[in-house]
Amino acid sequence: MDVFELDHVIAKRSKLNKPYLEFLHVPSMSAGLYVLPAGGVDTQEPHKADELYYIVSGRASLEVGSESRTVEAGTVLYVEANVEHRFHTIKEDLTLLVVYAHANMQTSTMKGV
């Protein structure tokens, strides 16, 4: 088991002064912390893996394809692989927990569910 304290991950990313810090990478998934400042520009390109975003703090809008919606702390978003998407109109510093589900993995079944 690996355990990650969000406060420690946030501090490490801040010390490195990079917008994205990957803190977990295993064959089936990876996870990282992405931070965009208020008024900043999100320059990410579509990814080859499905993504799950959890908004830790901040407020902005997310455009996925032709759809746009406001996001804030507590919002969870799913974006399919290879779909154009970008955060914009960042009103408050945005801190995101990002989980990538790497392609070509078989879905396991959960017994009793």
N, C-alpha and C. Protein backbone atom coordinates (compact mmCIF):
# COMPACT_ATOMS: atom_id res chain seq x y z
N MET A 1 0.84 -1.18 0.00
CA MET A 1 0.00 0.00 0.00
C MET A 1 0.89 1.24 0.00
N ASP A 2 0.49 2.23 -0.78
CA ASP A 2 1.13 3.54 -0.77
C ASP A 2 0.11 4.54 -0.22
N VAL A 3 0.58 5.45 0.58
CA VAL A 3 -0.29 6.47 1.17
C VAL A 3 0.30 7.83 0.83
N PHE A 4 -0.57 8.74 0.41
CA PHE A 4 -0.14 10.08 0.05
C PHE A 4 -0.96 11.09 0.84
N GLU A 5 -0.29 11.95 1.57
CA GLU A 5 -0.95 13.03 2.30
C GLU A 5 -1.04 14.23 1.36
N LEU A 6 -2.25 14.69 1.10
CA LEU A 6 -2.45 15.76 0.12
C LEU A 6 -1.65 17.01 0.48
N ASP A 7 -1.58 17.36 1.75
CA ASP A 7 -0.79 18.54 2.15
C ASP A 7 0.67 18.40 1.75
N HIS A 8 1.23 17.18 1.88
CA HIS A 8 2.63 16.95 1.50
C HIS A 8 2.81 17.02 -0.02
N VAL A 9 1.86 16.47 -0.75
CA VAL A 9 1.92 16.52 -2.22
C VAL A 9 1.85 17.97 -2.69
N ILE A 10 0.94 18.74 -2.10
CA ILE A 10 0.80 20.16 -2.46
C ILE A 10 2.11 20.91 -2.17
N ALA A 11 2.71 20.66 -1.02
CA ALA A 11 3.96 21.34 -0.66
C ALA A 11 5.10 20.95 -1.60
N LYS A 12 5.19 19.67 -1.95
CA LYS A 12 6.25 19.21 -2.86
C LYS A 12 6.09 19.85 -4.24
N ARG A 13 4.87 19.90 -4.76
CA ARG A 13 4.63 20.51 -6.06
C ARG A 13 4.99 21.99 -6.02
N SER A 14 4.65 22.65 -4.94
CA SER A 14 4.95 24.07 -4.79
C SER A 14 6.46 24.32 -4.79
N LYS A 15 7.22 23.48 -4.09
CA LYS A 15 8.68 23.64 -4.04
C LYS A 15 9.30 23.45 -5.42
N LEU A 16 8.74 22.53 -6.22
CA LEU A 16 9.26 22.29 -7.57
C LEU A 16 8.87 23.38 -8.55
N ASN A 17 7.86 24.18 -8.16
CA ASN A 17 7.39 25.29 -8.98
C ASN A 17 6.98 24.85 -10.39
N LYS A 18 6.30 23.71 -10.47
CA LYS A 18 5.77 23.20 -11.74
C LYS A 18 4.26 23.09 -11.59
N PRO A 19 3.52 23.26 -12.68
CA PRO A 19 2.06 23.18 -12.56
C PRO A 19 1.55 21.76 -12.27
N TYR A 20 2.30 20.72 -12.69
CA TYR A 20 1.83 19.35 -12.52
C TYR A 20 2.91 18.50 -11.84
N LEU A 21 2.47 17.72 -10.85
CA LEU A 21 3.36 16.79 -10.16
C LEU A 21 2.69 15.43 -10.15
N GLU A 22 3.28 14.47 -10.84
CA GLU A 22 2.79 13.10 -10.78
C GLU A 22 3.35 12.46 -9.52
N PHE A 23 2.47 11.92 -8.67
CA PHE A 23 2.95 11.29 -7.43
C PHE A 23 2.67 9.79 -7.38
N LEU A 24 1.98 9.26 -8.38
CA LEU A 24 1.74 7.82 -8.47
C LEU A 24 1.74 7.41 -9.93
N HIS A 25 2.45 6.31 -10.22
CA HIS A 25 2.43 5.76 -11.57
C HIS A 25 2.59 4.25 -11.47
N VAL A 26 1.52 3.53 -11.79
CA VAL A 26 1.53 2.07 -11.85
C VAL A 26 0.93 1.68 -13.20
N PRO A 27 1.04 0.42 -13.61
CA PRO A 27 0.56 0.05 -14.95
C PRO A 27 -0.91 0.42 -15.24
N SER A 28 -1.78 0.35 -14.26
CA SER A 28 -3.20 0.58 -14.54
C SER A 28 -3.65 2.02 -14.38
N MET A 29 -2.86 2.85 -13.70
CA MET A 29 -3.28 4.24 -13.48
C MET A 29 -2.10 5.10 -13.06
N SER A 30 -2.34 6.40 -13.12
CA SER A 30 -1.39 7.34 -12.54
C SER A 30 -2.20 8.48 -11.92
N ALA A 31 -1.57 9.20 -11.00
CA ALA A 31 -2.25 10.30 -10.33
C ALA A 31 -1.27 11.45 -10.15
N GLY A 32 -1.83 12.64 -10.18
CA GLY A 32 -1.00 13.81 -10.01
C GLY A 32 -1.79 14.98 -9.47
N LEU A 33 -1.08 16.04 -9.18
CA LEU A 33 -1.67 17.28 -8.69
C LEU A 33 -1.37 18.35 -9.73
N TYR A 34 -2.41 19.06 -10.17
CA TYR A 34 -2.30 20.08 -11.19
C TYR A 34 -2.80 21.39 -10.59
N VAL A 35 -2.00 22.45 -10.71
CA VAL A 35 -2.37 23.74 -10.14
C VAL A 35 -2.29 24.80 -11.23
N LEU A 36 -3.36 25.58 -11.32
CA LEU A 36 -3.42 26.70 -12.26
C LEU A 36 -3.78 27.96 -11.48
N PRO A 37 -3.03 29.05 -11.65
CA PRO A 37 -3.31 30.27 -10.90
C PRO A 37 -4.53 31.00 -11.46
N ALA A 38 -5.15 31.81 -10.63
CA ALA A 38 -6.25 32.66 -11.09
C ALA A 38 -5.77 33.47 -12.28
N GLY A 39 -6.58 33.50 -13.33
CA GLY A 39 -6.21 34.23 -14.54
C GLY A 39 -5.24 33.48 -15.44
N GLY A 40 -4.80 32.30 -15.02
CA GLY A 40 -3.82 31.52 -15.78
C GLY A 40 -4.42 30.88 -17.01
N VAL A 41 -3.54 30.24 -17.80
CA VAL A 41 -3.93 29.58 -19.05
C VAL A 41 -3.58 28.11 -18.95
N ASP A 42 -4.55 27.26 -19.24
CA ASP A 42 -4.35 25.81 -19.27
C ASP A 42 -3.94 25.41 -20.68
N THR A 43 -2.72 24.91 -20.83
CA THR A 43 -2.20 24.60 -22.16
C THR A 43 -2.19 23.10 -22.46
N GLN A 44 -2.87 22.29 -21.64
CA GLN A 44 -2.83 20.85 -21.83
C GLN A 44 -3.45 20.43 -23.17
N GLU A 45 -2.98 19.32 -23.66
CA GLU A 45 -3.47 18.69 -24.88
C GLU A 45 -4.29 17.46 -24.50
N PRO A 46 -5.11 16.93 -25.40
CA PRO A 46 -5.85 15.70 -25.10
C PRO A 46 -4.90 14.57 -24.70
N HIS A 47 -5.36 13.73 -23.80
CA HIS A 47 -4.54 12.64 -23.28
C HIS A 47 -5.00 11.30 -23.85
N LYS A 48 -4.10 10.33 -23.84
CA LYS A 48 -4.40 9.00 -24.38
C LYS A 48 -5.12 8.12 -23.38
N ALA A 49 -5.39 8.64 -22.19
CA ALA A 49 -6.06 7.87 -21.14
C ALA A 49 -7.29 8.63 -20.65
N ASP A 50 -8.30 7.88 -20.19
CA ASP A 50 -9.43 8.51 -19.52
C ASP A 50 -8.91 9.24 -18.29
N GLU A 51 -9.58 10.34 -17.92
CA GLU A 51 -9.15 11.14 -16.78
C GLU A 51 -10.30 11.38 -15.81
N LEU A 52 -9.95 11.43 -14.55
CA LEU A 52 -10.89 11.84 -13.52
C LEU A 52 -10.25 13.01 -12.81
N TYR A 53 -10.97 14.13 -12.74
CA TYR A 53 -10.50 15.31 -12.03
C TYR A 53 -11.32 15.49 -10.77
N TYR A 54 -10.65 15.80 -9.66
CA TYR A 54 -11.33 16.20 -8.44
C TYR A 54 -10.82 17.60 -8.11
N ILE A 55 -11.74 18.56 -8.02
CA ILE A 55 -11.36 19.93 -7.73
C ILE A 55 -11.16 20.06 -6.21
N VAL A 56 -9.90 20.20 -5.80
CA VAL A 56 -9.56 20.33 -4.38
C VAL A 56 -9.93 21.73 -3.89
N SER A 57 -9.58 22.74 -4.68
CA SER A 57 -9.90 24.12 -4.32
C SER A 57 -9.90 24.98 -5.57
N GLY A 58 -10.58 26.12 -5.48
CA GLY A 58 -10.60 27.07 -6.58
C GLY A 58 -11.91 27.07 -7.33
N ARG A 59 -11.95 27.92 -8.35
CA ARG A 59 -13.15 28.06 -9.17
C ARG A 59 -12.74 28.46 -10.58
N ALA A 60 -13.33 27.78 -11.57
CA ALA A 60 -13.01 28.04 -12.98
C ALA A 60 -14.11 27.44 -13.83
N SER A 61 -13.88 27.39 -15.12
CA SER A 61 -14.76 26.68 -16.05
C SER A 61 -13.93 25.64 -16.78
N LEU A 62 -14.57 24.57 -17.20
CA LEU A 62 -13.92 23.52 -17.98
C LEU A 62 -14.68 23.37 -19.28
N GLU A 63 -13.94 23.42 -20.38
CA GLU A 63 -14.52 23.18 -21.70
C GLU A 63 -14.09 21.79 -22.15
N VAL A 64 -15.07 20.97 -22.49
CA VAL A 64 -14.82 19.62 -23.00
C VAL A 64 -15.56 19.53 -24.33
N GLY A 65 -14.80 19.41 -25.42
CA GLY A 65 -15.44 19.45 -26.74
C GLY A 65 -16.12 20.79 -26.90
N SER A 66 -17.42 20.79 -27.17
CA SER A 66 -18.18 22.03 -27.34
C SER A 66 -18.96 22.41 -26.09
N GLU A 67 -18.80 21.65 -25.01
CA GLU A 67 -19.54 21.89 -23.77
C GLU A 67 -18.65 22.58 -22.75
N SER A 68 -19.22 23.54 -22.00
CA SER A 68 -18.48 24.24 -20.96
C SER A 68 -19.33 24.30 -19.70
N ARG A 69 -18.68 24.15 -18.54
CA ARG A 69 -19.40 24.25 -17.27
C ARG A 69 -18.47 24.79 -16.19
N THR A 70 -19.08 25.42 -15.19
CA THR A 70 -18.34 25.95 -14.06
C THR A 70 -17.99 24.81 -13.12
N VAL A 71 -16.78 24.86 -12.55
CA VAL A 71 -16.33 23.86 -11.59
C VAL A 71 -15.80 24.58 -10.35
N GLU A 72 -15.91 23.91 -9.20
CA GLU A 72 -15.43 24.48 -7.94
C GLU A 72 -15.06 23.35 -7.01
N ALA A 73 -14.52 23.69 -5.84
CA ALA A 73 -14.10 22.69 -4.86
C ALA A 73 -15.21 21.66 -4.65
N GLY A 74 -14.81 20.38 -4.70
CA GLY A 74 -15.76 19.29 -4.50
C GLY A 74 -16.31 18.71 -5.78
N THR A 75 -16.12 19.37 -6.92
CA THR A 75 -16.60 18.85 -8.21
C THR A 75 -15.70 17.71 -8.67
N VAL A 76 -16.33 16.66 -9.19
CA VAL A 76 -15.61 15.53 -9.78
C VAL A 76 -16.01 15.47 -11.25
N LEU A 77 -15.01 15.38 -12.14
CA LEU A 77 -15.26 15.40 -13.58
C LEU A 77 -14.58 14.21 -14.25
N TYR A 78 -15.24 13.66 -15.24
CA TYR A 78 -14.68 12.58 -16.04
C TYR A 78 -14.51 13.08 -17.47
N VAL A 79 -13.33 12.87 -18.05
CA VAL A 79 -13.08 13.24 -19.44
C VAL A 79 -12.52 12.02 -20.16
N GLU A 80 -13.17 11.65 -21.26
CA GLU A 80 -12.72 10.49 -22.04
C GLU A 80 -11.37 10.76 -22.70
N ALA A 81 -10.65 9.68 -22.96
CA ALA A 81 -9.37 9.76 -23.65
C ALA A 81 -9.52 10.45 -25.00
N ASN A 82 -8.52 11.19 -25.39
CA ASN A 82 -8.40 11.83 -26.71
C ASN A 82 -9.43 12.92 -26.98
N VAL A 83 -10.13 13.40 -25.95
CA VAL A 83 -11.11 14.47 -26.13
C VAL A 83 -10.45 15.80 -25.75
N GLU A 84 -10.58 16.79 -26.61
CA GLU A 84 -10.05 18.12 -26.36
C GLU A 84 -10.74 18.71 -25.13
N HIS A 85 -9.95 19.21 -24.17
CA HIS A 85 -10.52 19.82 -22.97
C HIS A 85 -9.51 20.80 -22.38
N ARG A 86 -10.07 21.78 -21.64
CA ARG A 86 -9.20 22.82 -21.10
C ARG A 86 -9.94 23.60 -20.02
N PHE A 87 -9.24 23.94 -18.95
CA PHE A 87 -9.80 24.83 -17.94
C PHE A 87 -9.61 26.26 -18.41
N HIS A 88 -10.61 27.11 -18.15
CA HIS A 88 -10.52 28.51 -18.58
C HIS A 88 -11.28 29.38 -17.57
N THR A 89 -11.18 30.67 -17.74
CA THR A 89 -11.82 31.63 -16.85
C THR A 89 -11.56 31.22 -15.39
N ILE A 90 -10.30 31.11 -15.06
CA ILE A 90 -9.89 30.67 -13.73
C ILE A 90 -10.01 31.85 -12.78
N LYS A 91 -11.05 31.82 -11.95
CA LYS A 91 -11.38 32.94 -11.07
C LYS A 91 -10.63 32.87 -9.74
N GLU A 92 -10.34 31.65 -9.26
CA GLU A 92 -9.59 31.44 -8.02
C GLU A 92 -8.55 30.37 -8.31
N ASP A 93 -7.36 30.48 -7.70
CA ASP A 93 -6.33 29.46 -7.90
C ASP A 93 -6.98 28.08 -7.87
N LEU A 94 -6.66 27.26 -8.87
CA LEU A 94 -7.30 25.97 -9.06
C LEU A 94 -6.32 24.86 -8.72
N THR A 95 -6.69 24.00 -7.77
CA THR A 95 -5.89 22.84 -7.41
C THR A 95 -6.70 21.60 -7.72
N LEU A 96 -6.14 20.73 -8.57
CA LEU A 96 -6.86 19.55 -9.06
C LEU A 96 -6.10 18.28 -8.77
N LEU A 97 -6.81 17.29 -8.31
CA LEU A 97 -6.28 15.94 -8.21
C LEU A 97 -6.68 15.26 -9.51
N VAL A 98 -5.70 14.71 -10.23
CA VAL A 98 -5.94 14.12 -11.55
C VAL A 98 -5.58 12.64 -11.50
N VAL A 99 -6.51 11.78 -11.95
CA VAL A 99 -6.26 10.35 -12.02
C VAL A 99 -6.43 9.92 -13.46
N TYR A 100 -5.40 9.29 -14.02
CA TYR A 100 -5.45 8.76 -15.38
C TYR A 100 -5.63 7.25 -15.32
N ALA A 101 -6.60 6.74 -16.08
CA ALA A 101 -6.79 5.30 -16.20
C ALA A 101 -6.14 4.89 -17.51
N HIS A 102 -5.04 4.16 -17.43
CA HIS A 102 -4.30 3.81 -18.63
C HIS A 102 -5.07 2.81 -19.49
N ALA A 103 -5.00 2.99 -20.78
CA ALA A 103 -5.75 2.19 -21.75
C ALA A 103 -5.32 0.73 -21.74
N ASN A 104 -6.16 -0.09 -22.32
CA ASN A 104 -5.91 -1.51 -22.53
C ASN A 104 -5.88 -2.32 -21.24
N MET A 105 -6.52 -1.84 -20.22
CA MET A 105 -6.60 -2.60 -18.97
C MET A 105 -7.98 -3.26 -18.92
N GLN A 106 -8.03 -4.52 -18.50
CA GLN A 106 -9.29 -5.21 -18.37
C GLN A 106 -9.99 -4.72 -17.10
N THR A 107 -11.31 -4.61 -17.18
CA THR A 107 -12.09 -4.22 -16.02
C THR A 107 -12.29 -5.44 -15.14
N SER A 108 -11.99 -5.31 -13.87
CA SER A 108 -12.20 -6.43 -12.96
C SER A 108 -13.62 -6.38 -12.43
N THR A 109 -14.14 -7.52 -12.04
CA THR A 109 -15.48 -7.55 -11.45
C THR A 109 -15.34 -7.64 -9.95
N MET A 110 -16.29 -7.05 -9.28
CA MET A 110 -16.29 -7.06 -7.82
C MET A 110 -17.34 -8.04 -7.35
N LYS A 111 -16.93 -9.07 -6.66
CA LYS A 111 -17.87 -10.07 -6.16
C LYS A 111 -18.72 -9.45 -5.06
N GLY A 112 -20.01 -9.80 -5.08
CA GLY A 112 -20.92 -9.34 -4.04
C GLY A 112 -21.48 -7.95 -4.28
N VAL A 113 -21.16 -7.34 -5.41
CA VAL A 113 -21.68 -5.99 -5.70
C VAL A 113 -22.71 -6.07 -6.78
